[in-house]
Amino acid sequence: FGSGAGSWLPSMVVVALVSGPNRLDEGRLAEAAGRAGTAVGRVDAGRVREATGYPIGGVPPFGHASDLATFVDEDLLGYDEVWAAAGTPRHVFGVRPEELVRVTAGTVAPLRAPS
């Protein structure tokens, strides 16, 4: 899956975990965060590293430098195992989606952009 660790709501950086073939729907992310209608975008590489402690492409789903709200696309729960970045763009680890939700204290929501 892909981590949208660079997603932001005004004054708030969040992590959005979405399946690789899916694209993040920013409106759905705002809705899941209780801020429907709020503009959502991506932050730059410097802000990603500042908020998470990791470079873009290597941001793991947990263990960040700051406390970040995490939102998990409901489609991830359809997999037996998903793979996540492990701190660098070259390292990954496998995890059951239910465990991912538990360890991130993630909010499960429909985040996938309609096709």
N, C-alpha and C. Protein backbone atom coordinates (compact mmCIF):
# COMPACT_ATOMS: atom_id res chain seq x y z
N PHE A 1 0.83 -1.17 0.00
CA PHE A 1 0.00 0.00 0.00
C PHE A 1 0.87 1.23 0.00
N GLY A 2 0.29 2.34 -0.20
CA GLY A 2 1.01 3.60 -0.19
C GLY A 2 0.63 4.41 1.03
N SER A 3 1.58 5.10 1.56
CA SER A 3 1.34 5.95 2.70
C SER A 3 1.29 7.39 2.25
N GLY A 4 0.20 8.06 2.52
CA GLY A 4 0.09 9.47 2.21
C GLY A 4 0.48 10.28 3.41
N ALA A 5 1.68 10.03 3.93
CA ALA A 5 2.13 10.70 5.14
C ALA A 5 2.28 12.19 4.92
N GLY A 6 2.26 12.60 3.68
CA GLY A 6 2.37 14.01 3.42
C GLY A 6 1.03 14.69 3.28
N SER A 7 -0.05 14.02 3.62
CA SER A 7 -1.35 14.65 3.50
C SER A 7 -1.55 15.64 4.63
N TRP A 8 -2.23 16.71 4.34
CA TRP A 8 -2.49 17.70 5.38
C TRP A 8 -3.90 18.20 5.31
N LEU A 9 -4.37 18.51 6.47
CA LEU A 9 -5.57 19.31 6.62
C LEU A 9 -5.00 20.59 7.23
N PRO A 10 -5.60 21.73 7.02
CA PRO A 10 -5.00 22.95 7.55
C PRO A 10 -4.53 22.78 9.00
N SER A 11 -3.28 23.09 9.24
CA SER A 11 -2.60 23.01 10.54
C SER A 11 -2.48 21.60 11.09
N MET A 12 -2.63 20.58 10.25
CA MET A 12 -2.63 19.20 10.74
C MET A 12 -2.06 18.26 9.69
N VAL A 13 -0.93 17.61 9.99
CA VAL A 13 -0.39 16.58 9.10
C VAL A 13 -0.96 15.25 9.57
N VAL A 14 -1.42 14.43 8.63
CA VAL A 14 -1.99 13.13 8.95
C VAL A 14 -1.36 12.07 8.06
N VAL A 15 -1.55 10.82 8.42
CA VAL A 15 -1.09 9.69 7.61
C VAL A 15 -2.32 9.02 7.01
N ALA A 16 -2.29 8.81 5.70
CA ALA A 16 -3.37 8.10 5.01
C ALA A 16 -2.77 6.85 4.38
N LEU A 17 -3.25 5.69 4.78
CA LEU A 17 -2.76 4.42 4.26
C LEU A 17 -3.76 3.88 3.25
N VAL A 18 -3.31 3.78 1.99
CA VAL A 18 -4.19 3.42 0.88
C VAL A 18 -3.51 2.34 0.05
N SER A 19 -4.29 1.40 -0.46
CA SER A 19 -3.78 0.33 -1.32
C SER A 19 -3.05 0.90 -2.53
N GLY A 20 -1.97 0.23 -2.94
CA GLY A 20 -1.16 0.67 -4.07
C GLY A 20 -1.91 1.00 -5.34
N PRO A 21 -2.86 0.15 -5.78
CA PRO A 21 -3.58 0.47 -7.02
C PRO A 21 -4.59 1.61 -6.86
N ASN A 22 -4.92 1.97 -5.63
CA ASN A 22 -5.91 3.02 -5.39
C ASN A 22 -5.26 4.39 -5.25
N ARG A 23 -6.03 5.41 -5.55
CA ARG A 23 -5.60 6.79 -5.31
C ARG A 23 -6.40 7.32 -4.13
N LEU A 24 -5.78 8.20 -3.36
CA LEU A 24 -6.44 8.83 -2.22
C LEU A 24 -7.44 9.87 -2.71
N ASP A 25 -8.64 9.83 -2.16
CA ASP A 25 -9.64 10.86 -2.41
C ASP A 25 -9.54 11.85 -1.25
N GLU A 26 -9.02 13.04 -1.52
CA GLU A 26 -8.77 14.02 -0.47
C GLU A 26 -10.05 14.44 0.25
N GLY A 27 -11.16 14.50 -0.48
CA GLY A 27 -12.43 14.85 0.15
C GLY A 27 -12.87 13.81 1.16
N ARG A 28 -12.66 12.54 0.81
CA ARG A 28 -12.99 11.46 1.74
C ARG A 28 -12.10 11.49 2.97
N LEU A 29 -10.83 11.84 2.78
CA LEU A 29 -9.92 11.96 3.92
C LEU A 29 -10.40 13.07 4.86
N ALA A 30 -10.77 14.21 4.30
CA ALA A 30 -11.28 15.32 5.12
C ALA A 30 -12.52 14.88 5.89
N GLU A 31 -13.40 14.15 5.21
CA GLU A 31 -14.62 13.64 5.86
C GLU A 31 -14.27 12.70 7.01
N ALA A 32 -13.34 11.77 6.77
CA ALA A 32 -12.94 10.81 7.81
C ALA A 32 -12.33 11.51 9.02
N ALA A 33 -11.70 12.66 8.77
CA ALA A 33 -11.07 13.42 9.85
C ALA A 33 -12.05 14.36 10.54
N GLY A 34 -13.32 14.31 10.11
CA GLY A 34 -14.32 15.18 10.72
C GLY A 34 -14.25 16.61 10.23
N ARG A 35 -13.66 16.80 9.04
CA ARG A 35 -13.51 18.14 8.49
C ARG A 35 -14.00 18.18 7.05
N ALA A 36 -15.17 17.66 6.81
CA ALA A 36 -15.74 17.64 5.47
C ALA A 36 -15.73 19.03 4.85
N GLY A 37 -15.36 19.09 3.58
CA GLY A 37 -15.32 20.37 2.87
C GLY A 37 -14.02 21.13 3.02
N THR A 38 -13.12 20.64 3.87
CA THR A 38 -11.83 21.28 4.07
C THR A 38 -10.86 20.86 2.98
N ALA A 39 -10.08 21.80 2.48
CA ALA A 39 -9.08 21.48 1.46
C ALA A 39 -7.99 20.59 2.06
N VAL A 40 -7.62 19.56 1.31
CA VAL A 40 -6.57 18.63 1.72
C VAL A 40 -5.53 18.61 0.62
N GLY A 41 -4.27 18.52 0.99
CA GLY A 41 -3.21 18.44 0.00
C GLY A 41 -2.04 17.66 0.54
N ARG A 42 -0.95 17.72 -0.17
CA ARG A 42 0.27 17.03 0.26
C ARG A 42 1.28 18.06 0.72
N VAL A 43 2.06 17.67 1.69
CA VAL A 43 3.11 18.56 2.17
C VAL A 43 4.42 18.20 1.47
N ASP A 44 5.38 19.09 1.53
CA ASP A 44 6.65 18.84 0.85
C ASP A 44 7.53 17.87 1.65
N ALA A 45 8.61 17.45 1.02
CA ALA A 45 9.50 16.44 1.60
C ALA A 45 10.06 16.87 2.96
N GLY A 46 10.36 18.13 3.11
CA GLY A 46 10.89 18.63 4.38
C GLY A 46 9.88 18.49 5.51
N ARG A 47 8.64 18.82 5.23
CA ARG A 47 7.58 18.72 6.25
C ARG A 47 7.28 17.25 6.57
N VAL A 48 7.35 16.37 5.56
CA VAL A 48 7.16 14.94 5.81
C VAL A 48 8.24 14.44 6.78
N ARG A 49 9.49 14.80 6.50
CA ARG A 49 10.58 14.34 7.38
C ARG A 49 10.44 14.93 8.78
N GLU A 50 10.05 16.20 8.85
CA GLU A 50 9.88 16.85 10.16
C GLU A 50 8.78 16.16 10.97
N ALA A 51 7.66 15.85 10.33
CA ALA A 51 6.53 15.26 11.04
C ALA A 51 6.72 13.79 11.38
N THR A 52 7.43 13.07 10.48
CA THR A 52 7.54 11.61 10.67
C THR A 52 8.92 11.15 11.11
N GLY A 53 9.94 11.91 10.72
CA GLY A 53 11.31 11.47 10.99
C GLY A 53 11.87 10.62 9.86
N TYR A 54 11.12 10.48 8.77
CA TYR A 54 11.52 9.61 7.66
C TYR A 54 11.39 10.34 6.33
N PRO A 55 12.16 9.88 5.32
CA PRO A 55 12.05 10.49 3.99
C PRO A 55 10.84 9.97 3.23
N ILE A 56 10.34 10.76 2.29
CA ILE A 56 9.27 10.30 1.41
C ILE A 56 9.73 9.00 0.75
N GLY A 57 8.83 8.03 0.67
CA GLY A 57 9.16 6.73 0.10
C GLY A 57 9.58 5.72 1.15
N GLY A 58 9.92 6.20 2.35
CA GLY A 58 10.34 5.30 3.41
C GLY A 58 9.53 5.46 4.68
N VAL A 59 8.46 6.23 4.63
CA VAL A 59 7.67 6.51 5.83
C VAL A 59 6.90 5.26 6.26
N PRO A 60 7.23 4.73 7.44
CA PRO A 60 6.48 3.58 7.94
C PRO A 60 5.12 4.03 8.47
N PRO A 61 4.21 3.11 8.71
CA PRO A 61 2.88 3.49 9.18
C PRO A 61 2.83 3.90 10.65
N PHE A 62 3.89 3.70 11.39
CA PHE A 62 3.93 4.07 12.82
C PHE A 62 5.36 4.37 13.21
N GLY A 63 5.56 4.82 14.45
CA GLY A 63 6.90 5.16 14.93
C GLY A 63 7.37 6.52 14.44
N HIS A 64 6.47 7.45 14.31
CA HIS A 64 6.80 8.77 13.77
C HIS A 64 7.38 9.70 14.84
N ALA A 65 8.04 10.74 14.39
CA ALA A 65 8.66 11.73 15.27
C ALA A 65 7.61 12.53 16.04
N SER A 66 6.41 12.64 15.50
CA SER A 66 5.33 13.34 16.19
C SER A 66 4.07 12.48 16.15
N ASP A 67 3.14 12.81 17.00
CA ASP A 67 1.90 12.04 17.08
C ASP A 67 0.99 12.44 15.92
N LEU A 68 0.79 11.53 14.98
CA LEU A 68 0.00 11.82 13.78
C LEU A 68 -1.25 10.95 13.73
N ALA A 69 -2.37 11.57 13.42
CA ALA A 69 -3.60 10.80 13.20
C ALA A 69 -3.40 9.95 11.95
N THR A 70 -3.87 8.71 12.01
CA THR A 70 -3.73 7.79 10.88
C THR A 70 -5.10 7.34 10.40
N PHE A 71 -5.27 7.36 9.08
CA PHE A 71 -6.51 6.95 8.45
C PHE A 71 -6.19 5.80 7.50
N VAL A 72 -6.94 4.71 7.60
CA VAL A 72 -6.69 3.49 6.85
C VAL A 72 -7.84 3.25 5.88
N ASP A 73 -7.52 3.14 4.60
CA ASP A 73 -8.56 2.86 3.62
C ASP A 73 -9.16 1.49 3.88
N GLU A 74 -10.48 1.42 3.87
CA GLU A 74 -11.17 0.16 4.16
C GLU A 74 -10.79 -0.96 3.19
N ASP A 75 -10.35 -0.64 1.98
CA ASP A 75 -9.95 -1.67 1.02
C ASP A 75 -8.78 -2.51 1.52
N LEU A 76 -7.93 -1.94 2.36
CA LEU A 76 -6.78 -2.70 2.88
C LEU A 76 -7.22 -3.91 3.69
N LEU A 77 -8.40 -3.83 4.30
CA LEU A 77 -8.88 -4.94 5.13
C LEU A 77 -9.26 -6.16 4.30
N GLY A 78 -9.30 -6.03 2.99
CA GLY A 78 -9.59 -7.16 2.11
C GLY A 78 -8.39 -8.02 1.80
N TYR A 79 -7.22 -7.63 2.27
CA TYR A 79 -5.99 -8.39 2.03
C TYR A 79 -5.63 -9.22 3.26
N ASP A 80 -4.98 -10.36 3.03
CA ASP A 80 -4.47 -11.16 4.14
C ASP A 80 -3.24 -10.50 4.75
N GLU A 81 -2.44 -9.87 3.89
CA GLU A 81 -1.21 -9.22 4.34
C GLU A 81 -0.96 -8.02 3.43
N VAL A 82 -0.45 -6.95 4.01
CA VAL A 82 -0.03 -5.78 3.24
C VAL A 82 1.43 -5.50 3.56
N TRP A 83 2.07 -4.76 2.68
CA TRP A 83 3.48 -4.43 2.85
C TRP A 83 3.63 -2.94 3.04
N ALA A 84 4.48 -2.57 3.98
CA ALA A 84 4.66 -1.16 4.32
C ALA A 84 6.14 -0.79 4.30
N ALA A 85 6.41 0.47 4.07
CA ALA A 85 7.79 0.97 4.15
C ALA A 85 8.29 0.81 5.58
N ALA A 86 9.59 0.58 5.69
CA ALA A 86 10.19 0.32 7.00
C ALA A 86 11.31 1.30 7.31
N GLY A 87 11.12 2.55 6.93
CA GLY A 87 12.09 3.59 7.30
C GLY A 87 12.98 4.08 6.19
N THR A 88 13.07 3.32 5.11
CA THR A 88 13.83 3.75 3.94
C THR A 88 13.04 3.33 2.69
N PRO A 89 13.32 3.92 1.55
CA PRO A 89 12.62 3.50 0.33
C PRO A 89 12.95 2.07 -0.11
N ARG A 90 13.98 1.46 0.48
CA ARG A 90 14.41 0.12 0.07
C ARG A 90 14.00 -0.99 1.04
N HIS A 91 13.38 -0.65 2.16
CA HIS A 91 13.04 -1.65 3.16
C HIS A 91 11.54 -1.66 3.42
N VAL A 92 10.97 -2.88 3.48
CA VAL A 92 9.54 -3.06 3.72
C VAL A 92 9.32 -4.20 4.70
N PHE A 93 8.12 -4.27 5.21
CA PHE A 93 7.75 -5.39 6.08
C PHE A 93 6.28 -5.73 5.82
N GLY A 94 5.93 -6.97 6.06
CA GLY A 94 4.55 -7.43 5.88
C GLY A 94 3.81 -7.39 7.21
N VAL A 95 2.52 -7.11 7.13
CA VAL A 95 1.69 -7.04 8.34
C VAL A 95 0.24 -7.34 7.97
N ARG A 96 -0.48 -7.98 8.88
CA ARG A 96 -1.92 -8.18 8.67
C ARG A 96 -2.63 -6.83 8.79
N PRO A 97 -3.57 -6.53 7.94
CA PRO A 97 -4.25 -5.23 7.99
C PRO A 97 -4.88 -4.92 9.35
N GLU A 98 -5.47 -5.93 9.98
CA GLU A 98 -6.10 -5.71 11.29
C GLU A 98 -5.05 -5.27 12.33
N GLU A 99 -3.86 -5.86 12.23
CA GLU A 99 -2.78 -5.49 13.14
C GLU A 99 -2.30 -4.07 12.84
N LEU A 100 -2.26 -3.73 11.57
CA LEU A 100 -1.88 -2.38 11.16
C LEU A 100 -2.83 -1.34 11.76
N VAL A 101 -4.12 -1.62 11.68
CA VAL A 101 -5.11 -0.71 12.27
C VAL A 101 -4.88 -0.60 13.77
N ARG A 102 -4.63 -1.73 14.43
CA ARG A 102 -4.43 -1.73 15.88
C ARG A 102 -3.20 -0.94 16.30
N VAL A 103 -2.06 -1.20 15.68
CA VAL A 103 -0.82 -0.55 16.13
C VAL A 103 -0.75 0.93 15.75
N THR A 104 -1.50 1.33 14.73
CA THR A 104 -1.51 2.75 14.35
C THR A 104 -2.65 3.50 15.03
N ALA A 105 -3.54 2.76 15.72
CA ALA A 105 -4.77 3.35 16.25
C ALA A 105 -5.50 4.07 15.11
N GLY A 106 -5.45 3.45 13.93
CA GLY A 106 -6.01 4.06 12.73
C GLY A 106 -7.52 4.06 12.67
N THR A 107 -8.04 5.05 12.00
CA THR A 107 -9.46 5.16 11.71
C THR A 107 -9.70 4.55 10.34
N VAL A 108 -10.49 3.51 10.27
CA VAL A 108 -10.81 2.86 9.00
C VAL A 108 -11.95 3.63 8.34
N ALA A 109 -11.75 3.97 7.08
CA ALA A 109 -12.75 4.75 6.34
C ALA A 109 -12.58 4.51 4.85
N PRO A 110 -13.58 4.80 4.04
CA PRO A 110 -13.43 4.73 2.59
C PRO A 110 -12.60 5.92 2.12
N LEU A 111 -11.37 5.68 1.71
CA LEU A 111 -10.47 6.76 1.27
C LEU A 111 -10.15 6.70 -0.21
N ARG A 112 -10.52 5.61 -0.87
CA ARG A 112 -10.19 5.40 -2.28
C ARG A 112 -10.99 6.35 -3.16
N ALA A 113 -10.28 6.95 -4.10
CA ALA A 113 -10.95 7.79 -5.10
C ALA A 113 -11.77 6.88 -6.01
N PRO A 114 -13.00 7.27 -6.34
CA PRO A 114 -13.80 6.45 -7.27
C PRO A 114 -13.09 6.33 -8.62
N SER A 115 -13.21 5.15 -9.25
CA SER A 115 -12.54 4.97 -10.54
C SER A 115 -13.35 5.52 -11.68
